[in-house]
Amino acid sequence: MKDNFEDIKNEFKAKSLYWKNVRSKKMKAVLILLFLSLIGLKVFTTVLTFDWLSALMKSI
């Protein structure tokens, strides 16, 4: 468990260091948009999956 926590902590530090090294505001904006779009895509596909699943259960 402690190893997993250390791995997550090290990964967060690496991502933070990468973010601090990005100098371009355009690149930071692209990274933020990419992050938000991935979250939106995940939410959208999850909603569609549950909608499809509920429609399947109603037909049974």
C-alpha atoms as a PDB file:
ATOM      1  CA  MET A   1       0.000   0.000   0.000  1.00  0.00           C
ATOM      2  CA  LYS A   2       2.799   2.370   0.885  1.00  0.00           C
ATOM      3  CA  ASP A   3       4.537   1.582  -2.418  1.00  0.00           C
ATOM      4  CA  ASN A   4       1.395   2.525  -4.322  1.00  0.00           C
ATOM      5  CA  PHE A   5       1.150   5.795  -2.432  1.00  0.00           C
ATOM      6  CA  GLU A   6       4.790   6.557  -3.194  1.00  0.00           C
ATOM      7  CA  ASP A   7       4.234   5.769  -6.888  1.00  0.00           C
ATOM      8  CA  ILE A   8       1.269   8.129  -7.040  1.00  0.00           C
ATOM      9  CA  LYS A   9       3.211  10.805  -5.187  1.00  0.00           C
ATOM     10  CA  ASN A  10       6.170  10.481  -7.556  1.00  0.00           C
ATOM     11  CA  GLU A  11       3.882  10.584 -10.606  1.00  0.00           C
ATOM     12  CA  PHE A  12       2.193  13.723  -9.288  1.00  0.00           C
ATOM     13  CA  LYS A  13       5.578  15.361  -8.734  1.00  0.00           C
ATOM     14  CA  ALA A  14       6.636  14.464 -12.287  1.00  0.00           C
ATOM     15  CA  LYS A  15       3.433  15.929 -13.758  1.00  0.00           C
ATOM     16  CA  SER A  16       3.810  19.040 -11.625  1.00  0.00           C
ATOM     17  CA  LEU A  17       7.399  19.502 -12.746  1.00  0.00           C
ATOM     18  CA  TYR A  18       6.346  19.083 -16.390  1.00  0.00           C
ATOM     19  CA  TRP A  19       3.609  21.691 -15.925  1.00  0.00           C
ATOM     20  CA  LYS A  20       6.069  24.156 -14.388  1.00  0.00           C
ATOM     21  CA  ASN A  21       8.508  23.651 -17.283  1.00  0.00           C
ATOM     22  CA  VAL A  22       5.910  24.464 -19.952  1.00  0.00           C
ATOM     23  CA  ARG A  23       6.538  28.104 -20.784  1.00  0.00           C
ATOM     24  CA  SER A  24       4.001  28.669 -23.541  1.00  0.00           C
ATOM     25  CA  LYS A  25       0.547  29.829 -22.533  1.00  0.00           C
ATOM     26  CA  LYS A  26      -0.833  28.288 -25.725  1.00  0.00           C
ATOM     27  CA  MET A  27       0.578  24.896 -24.796  1.00  0.00           C
ATOM     28  CA  LYS A  28      -0.882  25.138 -21.289  1.00  0.00           C
ATOM     29  CA  ALA A  29      -4.260  26.056 -22.811  1.00  0.00           C
ATOM     30  CA  VAL A  30      -4.037  23.039 -25.139  1.00  0.00           C
ATOM     31  CA  LEU A  31      -3.204  20.746 -22.219  1.00  0.00           C
ATOM     32  CA  ILE A  32      -6.125  22.089 -20.182  1.00  0.00           C
ATOM     33  CA  LEU A  33      -8.511  21.651 -23.125  1.00  0.00           C
ATOM     34  CA  LEU A  34      -7.227  18.130 -23.708  1.00  0.00           C
ATOM     35  CA  PHE A  35      -7.731  17.264 -20.046  1.00  0.00           C
ATOM     36  CA  LEU A  36     -11.268  18.696 -19.997  1.00  0.00           C
ATOM     37  CA  SER A  37     -12.185  16.994 -23.260  1.00  0.00           C
ATOM     38  CA  LEU A  38     -11.001  13.629 -21.933  1.00  0.00           C
ATOM     39  CA  ILE A  39     -13.141  14.085 -18.827  1.00  0.00           C
ATOM     40  CA  GLY A  40     -16.099  15.134 -20.981  1.00  0.00           C
ATOM     41  CA  LEU A  41     -15.634  12.143 -23.253  1.00  0.00           C
ATOM     42  CA  LYS A  42     -15.526   9.799 -20.283  1.00  0.00           C
ATOM     43  CA  VAL A  43     -18.699  11.282 -18.799  1.00  0.00           C
ATOM     44  CA  PHE A  44     -20.473  11.255 -22.173  1.00  0.00           C
ATOM     45  CA  THR A  45     -19.620   7.626 -22.906  1.00  0.00           C
ATOM     46  CA  THR A  46     -20.596   6.581 -19.384  1.00  0.00           C
ATOM     47  CA  VAL A  47     -23.995   8.268 -19.731  1.00  0.00           C
ATOM     48  CA  LEU A  48     -24.545   6.612 -23.094  1.00  0.00           C
ATOM     49  CA  THR A  49     -23.559   3.241 -21.677  1.00  0.00           C
ATOM     50  CA  PHE A  50     -25.983   3.540 -18.770  1.00  0.00           C
ATOM     51  CA  ASP A  51     -28.707   4.830 -21.095  1.00  0.00           C
ATOM     52  CA  TRP A  52     -28.201   1.825 -23.358  1.00  0.00           C
ATOM     53  CA  LEU A  53     -28.150  -0.507 -20.370  1.00  0.00           C
ATOM     54  CA  SER A  54     -31.337   0.934 -18.905  1.00  0.00           C
ATOM     55  CA  ALA A  55     -33.075   0.659 -22.295  1.00  0.00           C
ATOM     56  CA  LEU A  56     -31.995  -2.970 -22.469  1.00  0.00           C
ATOM     57  CA  MET A  57     -33.370  -3.701 -19.009  1.00  0.00           C
ATOM     58  CA  LYS A  58     -36.699  -2.051 -19.866  1.00  0.00           C
ATOM     59  CA  SER A  59     -37.102  -4.269 -22.924  1.00  0.00           C
ATOM     60  CA  ILE A  60     -36.628  -7.465 -20.909  1.00  0.00           C
END
